[in-house]
Amino acid sequence: MWSGADALKVGLVDEIGGLDSAVAYAAQRAGLEPGYVVREFPRAKAFAETLAELLAGMQTKAVKNDLIGRITQRLRAQASTLAQFNDPQHLYARLPLEIVVQ
């Protein structure tokens, strides 16, 4: 895992910036006119939609009781990942997805 500053030092990136500046740079390099449209995929789901999908997949009361345990386990895993971020300038990039192999 590289911090933004470390990635710049070793030549993995050309400059430090956020997603908006990266998109603007790519659009400029592609020769796009101002007013281009950016669409993000997959569409981010609202918390209520995600929870509804989880509950829709539940079949028995025993499985429903395990829901809190599974949510807690997932939150702990994500907190553990976030705890590994240690750049003193707080420069990070993380994709809005997670791959879970079951």
N, C-alpha and C. Protein backbone atom coordinates (compact mmCIF):
# COMPACT_ATOMS: atom_id res chain seq x y z
N MET A 1 0.85 -1.16 0.00
CA MET A 1 0.00 0.00 0.00
C MET A 1 0.91 1.24 0.00
N TRP A 2 0.63 2.16 -0.91
CA TRP A 2 1.44 3.36 -1.05
C TRP A 2 0.64 4.58 -0.62
N SER A 3 1.27 5.49 0.08
CA SER A 3 0.64 6.79 0.31
C SER A 3 0.81 7.59 -0.97
N GLY A 4 0.03 8.64 -1.13
CA GLY A 4 0.16 9.48 -2.31
C GLY A 4 1.55 10.08 -2.42
N ALA A 5 2.09 10.55 -1.30
CA ALA A 5 3.41 11.18 -1.31
C ALA A 5 4.49 10.17 -1.69
N ASP A 6 4.41 8.96 -1.15
CA ASP A 6 5.40 7.93 -1.48
C ASP A 6 5.29 7.52 -2.95
N ALA A 7 4.07 7.40 -3.45
CA ALA A 7 3.87 7.04 -4.85
C ALA A 7 4.46 8.10 -5.77
N LEU A 8 4.34 9.36 -5.40
CA LEU A 8 4.92 10.45 -6.18
C LEU A 8 6.45 10.36 -6.18
N LYS A 9 7.02 10.08 -5.01
CA LYS A 9 8.48 10.00 -4.89
C LYS A 9 9.07 8.92 -5.78
N VAL A 10 8.39 7.77 -5.89
CA VAL A 10 8.96 6.66 -6.66
C VAL A 10 8.45 6.62 -8.10
N GLY A 11 7.68 7.63 -8.50
CA GLY A 11 7.25 7.73 -9.89
C GLY A 11 6.02 6.93 -10.27
N LEU A 12 5.25 6.47 -9.31
CA LEU A 12 4.03 5.73 -9.63
C LEU A 12 2.91 6.67 -10.09
N VAL A 13 2.98 7.93 -9.70
CA VAL A 13 2.01 8.94 -10.11
C VAL A 13 2.76 10.18 -10.57
N ASP A 14 2.09 10.98 -11.42
CA ASP A 14 2.72 12.20 -11.92
C ASP A 14 2.53 13.38 -10.98
N GLU A 15 1.40 13.42 -10.30
CA GLU A 15 1.12 14.51 -9.37
C GLU A 15 0.06 14.07 -8.37
N ILE A 16 -0.07 14.84 -7.30
CA ILE A 16 -1.06 14.55 -6.26
C ILE A 16 -2.34 15.30 -6.60
N GLY A 17 -3.44 14.62 -6.52
CA GLY A 17 -4.74 15.25 -6.78
C GLY A 17 -5.85 14.28 -6.48
N GLY A 18 -7.05 14.76 -6.53
CA GLY A 18 -8.21 13.93 -6.26
C GLY A 18 -8.82 13.37 -7.54
N LEU A 19 -9.95 12.72 -7.38
CA LEU A 19 -10.65 12.11 -8.50
C LEU A 19 -11.07 13.16 -9.52
N ASP A 20 -11.57 14.30 -9.04
CA ASP A 20 -12.03 15.34 -9.96
C ASP A 20 -10.89 15.84 -10.85
N SER A 21 -9.72 16.06 -10.26
CA SER A 21 -8.60 16.54 -11.07
C SER A 21 -8.12 15.46 -12.04
N ALA A 22 -8.19 14.19 -11.64
CA ALA A 22 -7.79 13.10 -12.53
C ALA A 22 -8.75 13.00 -13.73
N VAL A 23 -10.04 13.15 -13.47
CA VAL A 23 -11.03 13.11 -14.55
C VAL A 23 -10.83 14.29 -15.49
N ALA A 24 -10.62 15.48 -14.92
CA ALA A 24 -10.40 16.67 -15.74
C ALA A 24 -9.15 16.50 -16.61
N TYR A 25 -8.09 15.95 -16.05
CA TYR A 25 -6.86 15.72 -16.81
C TYR A 25 -7.10 14.73 -17.95
N ALA A 26 -7.80 13.64 -17.65
CA ALA A 26 -8.08 12.63 -18.67
C ALA A 26 -8.96 13.21 -19.78
N ALA A 27 -9.94 14.02 -19.41
CA ALA A 27 -10.82 14.64 -20.40
C ALA A 27 -10.03 15.58 -21.30
N GLN A 28 -9.13 16.33 -20.70
CA GLN A 28 -8.31 17.26 -21.48
C GLN A 28 -7.42 16.48 -22.45
N ARG A 29 -6.79 15.40 -21.95
CA ARG A 29 -5.91 14.58 -22.80
C ARG A 29 -6.69 13.91 -23.93
N ALA A 30 -7.97 13.60 -23.67
CA ALA A 30 -8.81 12.96 -24.68
C ALA A 30 -9.39 13.97 -25.67
N GLY A 31 -9.18 15.26 -25.39
CA GLY A 31 -9.69 16.30 -26.28
C GLY A 31 -11.17 16.56 -26.14
N LEU A 32 -11.74 16.25 -24.99
CA LEU A 32 -13.17 16.48 -24.78
C LEU A 32 -13.45 17.96 -24.58
N GLU A 33 -14.59 18.38 -25.09
CA GLU A 33 -15.02 19.77 -24.92
C GLU A 33 -15.58 19.94 -23.50
N PRO A 34 -15.55 21.17 -22.98
CA PRO A 34 -16.19 21.42 -21.67
C PRO A 34 -17.66 21.01 -21.71
N GLY A 35 -18.14 20.54 -20.60
CA GLY A 35 -19.53 20.09 -20.53
C GLY A 35 -19.68 18.58 -20.67
N TYR A 36 -18.55 17.86 -20.71
CA TYR A 36 -18.63 16.40 -20.78
C TYR A 36 -19.33 15.88 -19.52
N VAL A 37 -19.88 14.68 -19.62
CA VAL A 37 -20.63 14.08 -18.52
C VAL A 37 -19.87 12.87 -17.99
N VAL A 38 -19.79 12.77 -16.68
CA VAL A 38 -19.14 11.63 -16.03
C VAL A 38 -20.23 10.77 -15.41
N ARG A 39 -20.20 9.48 -15.70
CA ARG A 39 -21.14 8.54 -15.10
C ARG A 39 -20.35 7.52 -14.30
N GLU A 40 -20.80 7.24 -13.10
CA GLU A 40 -20.11 6.29 -12.23
C GLU A 40 -20.84 4.96 -12.21
N PHE A 41 -20.07 3.87 -12.33
CA PHE A 41 -20.62 2.52 -12.28
C PHE A 41 -19.80 1.69 -11.32
N PRO A 42 -20.34 0.82 -10.53
CA PRO A 42 -21.78 0.65 -10.37
C PRO A 42 -22.36 1.79 -9.55
N ARG A 43 -23.65 2.00 -9.71
CA ARG A 43 -24.35 3.04 -8.96
C ARG A 43 -24.25 2.74 -7.47
N ALA A 44 -23.92 3.76 -6.70
CA ALA A 44 -23.83 3.58 -5.25
C ALA A 44 -25.23 3.35 -4.68
N LYS A 45 -25.35 2.35 -3.85
CA LYS A 45 -26.64 2.05 -3.23
C LYS A 45 -26.76 2.79 -1.90
N ALA A 46 -27.96 3.21 -1.59
CA ALA A 46 -28.23 3.83 -0.30
C ALA A 46 -28.20 2.74 0.76
N PHE A 47 -27.93 3.14 2.01
CA PHE A 47 -27.87 2.17 3.10
C PHE A 47 -29.17 1.37 3.19
N ALA A 48 -30.31 2.06 3.08
CA ALA A 48 -31.60 1.39 3.20
C ALA A 48 -31.78 0.34 2.10
N GLU A 49 -31.31 0.63 0.90
CA GLU A 49 -31.43 -0.32 -0.21
C GLU A 49 -30.56 -1.56 0.04
N THR A 50 -29.35 -1.34 0.53
CA THR A 50 -28.45 -2.46 0.84
C THR A 50 -29.04 -3.33 1.95
N LEU A 51 -29.55 -2.68 2.98
CA LEU A 51 -30.16 -3.42 4.09
C LEU A 51 -31.38 -4.21 3.62
N ALA A 52 -32.19 -3.60 2.76
CA ALA A 52 -33.37 -4.29 2.24
C ALA A 52 -32.97 -5.53 1.45
N GLU A 53 -31.91 -5.43 0.67
CA GLU A 53 -31.44 -6.59 -0.09
C GLU A 53 -30.96 -7.70 0.83
N LEU A 54 -30.25 -7.32 1.90
CA LEU A 54 -29.81 -8.33 2.87
C LEU A 54 -31.00 -9.04 3.51
N LEU A 55 -31.97 -8.25 3.92
CA LEU A 55 -33.14 -8.83 4.59
C LEU A 55 -33.99 -9.67 3.64
N ALA A 56 -34.04 -9.27 2.36
CA ALA A 56 -34.83 -10.03 1.39
C ALA A 56 -34.26 -11.44 1.19
N GLY A 57 -32.96 -11.59 1.40
CA GLY A 57 -32.33 -12.90 1.23
C GLY A 57 -32.46 -13.79 2.45
N MET A 58 -32.99 -13.26 3.53
CA MET A 58 -33.11 -14.05 4.76
C MET A 58 -34.34 -14.97 4.67
N GLN A 59 -34.18 -16.21 5.12
CA GLN A 59 -35.28 -17.16 5.03
C GLN A 59 -35.82 -17.58 6.41
N THR A 60 -34.96 -17.74 7.39
CA THR A 60 -35.41 -18.25 8.68
C THR A 60 -35.08 -17.27 9.79
N LYS A 61 -35.75 -17.44 10.92
CA LYS A 61 -35.49 -16.58 12.08
C LYS A 61 -34.06 -16.73 12.55
N ALA A 62 -33.51 -17.93 12.49
CA ALA A 62 -32.13 -18.15 12.93
C ALA A 62 -31.15 -17.35 12.07
N VAL A 63 -31.42 -17.28 10.79
CA VAL A 63 -30.55 -16.52 9.89
C VAL A 63 -30.68 -15.04 10.20
N LYS A 64 -31.91 -14.56 10.49
CA LYS A 64 -32.13 -13.15 10.81
C LYS A 64 -31.38 -12.76 12.08
N ASN A 65 -31.32 -13.64 13.06
CA ASN A 65 -30.61 -13.35 14.30
C ASN A 65 -29.10 -13.22 14.06
N ASP A 66 -28.61 -13.87 13.03
CA ASP A 66 -27.19 -13.81 12.70
C ASP A 66 -26.83 -12.53 11.94
N LEU A 67 -27.82 -11.78 11.51
CA LEU A 67 -27.58 -10.57 10.71
C LEU A 67 -26.68 -9.58 11.44
N ILE A 68 -26.95 -9.34 12.71
CA ILE A 68 -26.15 -8.38 13.48
C ILE A 68 -24.70 -8.84 13.56
N GLY A 69 -24.49 -10.13 13.77
CA GLY A 69 -23.13 -10.67 13.83
C GLY A 69 -22.39 -10.49 12.52
N ARG A 70 -23.07 -10.71 11.40
CA ARG A 70 -22.42 -10.55 10.10
C ARG A 70 -22.11 -9.09 9.81
N ILE A 71 -23.02 -8.20 10.16
CA ILE A 71 -22.78 -6.77 9.95
C ILE A 71 -21.60 -6.32 10.81
N THR A 72 -21.58 -6.75 12.07
CA THR A 72 -20.49 -6.39 12.96
C THR A 72 -19.15 -6.90 12.44
N GLN A 73 -19.13 -8.14 11.96
CA GLN A 73 -17.90 -8.72 11.42
C GLN A 73 -17.41 -7.91 10.22
N ARG A 74 -18.31 -7.51 9.36
CA ARG A 74 -17.93 -6.73 8.18
C ARG A 74 -17.40 -5.35 8.57
N LEU A 75 -18.04 -4.72 9.55
CA LEU A 75 -17.58 -3.41 10.01
C LEU A 75 -16.19 -3.52 10.64
N ARG A 76 -15.96 -4.58 11.39
CA ARG A 76 -14.63 -4.78 11.98
C ARG A 76 -13.56 -4.94 10.90
N ALA A 77 -13.88 -5.70 9.85
CA ALA A 77 -12.92 -5.89 8.76
C ALA A 77 -12.61 -4.56 8.08
N GLN A 78 -13.63 -3.74 7.85
CA GLN A 78 -13.40 -2.45 7.21
C GLN A 78 -12.63 -1.51 8.12
N ALA A 79 -12.91 -1.55 9.42
CA ALA A 79 -12.17 -0.71 10.37
C ALA A 79 -10.70 -1.14 10.41
N SER A 80 -10.46 -2.43 10.32
CA SER A 80 -9.09 -2.94 10.30
C SER A 80 -8.34 -2.42 9.08
N THR A 81 -9.00 -2.40 7.94
CA THR A 81 -8.39 -1.87 6.72
C THR A 81 -8.07 -0.39 6.89
N LEU A 82 -9.01 0.37 7.41
CA LEU A 82 -8.80 1.81 7.60
C LEU A 82 -7.67 2.09 8.59
N ALA A 83 -7.51 1.22 9.57
CA ALA A 83 -6.45 1.41 10.56
C ALA A 83 -5.06 1.29 9.95
N GLN A 84 -4.95 0.64 8.79
CA GLN A 84 -3.66 0.48 8.12
C GLN A 84 -3.23 1.74 7.38
N PHE A 85 -4.15 2.68 7.15
CA PHE A 85 -3.80 3.92 6.48
C PHE A 85 -3.02 4.78 7.47
N ASN A 86 -1.78 5.11 7.12
CA ASN A 86 -0.94 5.82 8.08
C ASN A 86 -0.12 6.95 7.45
N ASP A 87 -0.56 7.46 6.31
CA ASP A 87 0.17 8.56 5.68
C ASP A 87 0.05 9.81 6.54
N PRO A 88 1.17 10.45 6.90
CA PRO A 88 1.10 11.64 7.77
C PRO A 88 0.34 12.80 7.14
N GLN A 89 0.25 12.83 5.81
CA GLN A 89 -0.49 13.91 5.15
C GLN A 89 -1.93 13.49 4.84
N HIS A 90 -2.29 12.28 5.20
CA HIS A 90 -3.65 11.75 5.02
C HIS A 90 -4.08 11.76 3.56
N LEU A 91 -3.19 11.32 2.67
CA LEU A 91 -3.49 11.22 1.25
C LEU A 91 -3.72 9.75 0.92
N TYR A 92 -4.95 9.41 0.53
CA TYR A 92 -5.30 8.03 0.26
C TYR A 92 -6.23 7.96 -0.94
N ALA A 93 -6.26 6.79 -1.55
CA ALA A 93 -7.23 6.50 -2.60
C ALA A 93 -7.73 5.08 -2.36
N ARG A 94 -9.03 4.93 -2.45
CA ARG A 94 -9.61 3.60 -2.26
C ARG A 94 -10.82 3.47 -3.17
N LEU A 95 -10.92 2.38 -3.90
CA LEU A 95 -12.05 2.17 -4.78
C LEU A 95 -13.32 1.89 -3.95
N PRO A 96 -14.46 2.32 -4.48
CA PRO A 96 -15.70 2.12 -3.72
C PRO A 96 -16.29 0.74 -3.93
N LEU A 97 -15.47 -0.27 -3.85
CA LEU A 97 -15.98 -1.63 -3.97
C LEU A 97 -15.11 -2.55 -3.14
N GLU A 98 -15.65 -3.69 -2.92
CA GLU A 98 -14.94 -4.68 -2.12
C GLU A 98 -15.19 -6.04 -2.75
N ILE A 99 -14.16 -6.83 -2.90
CA ILE A 99 -14.30 -8.16 -3.47
C ILE A 99 -14.29 -9.16 -2.32
N VAL A 100 -15.35 -9.92 -2.21
CA VAL A 100 -15.47 -10.91 -1.15
C VAL A 100 -15.55 -12.28 -1.80
N VAL A 101 -14.62 -13.15 -1.46
CA VAL A 101 -14.61 -14.52 -1.97
C VAL A 101 -15.21 -15.42 -0.91
N GLN A 102 -16.25 -16.13 -1.27
CA GLN A 102 -16.92 -17.01 -0.30
C GLN A 102 -16.86 -18.44 -0.77
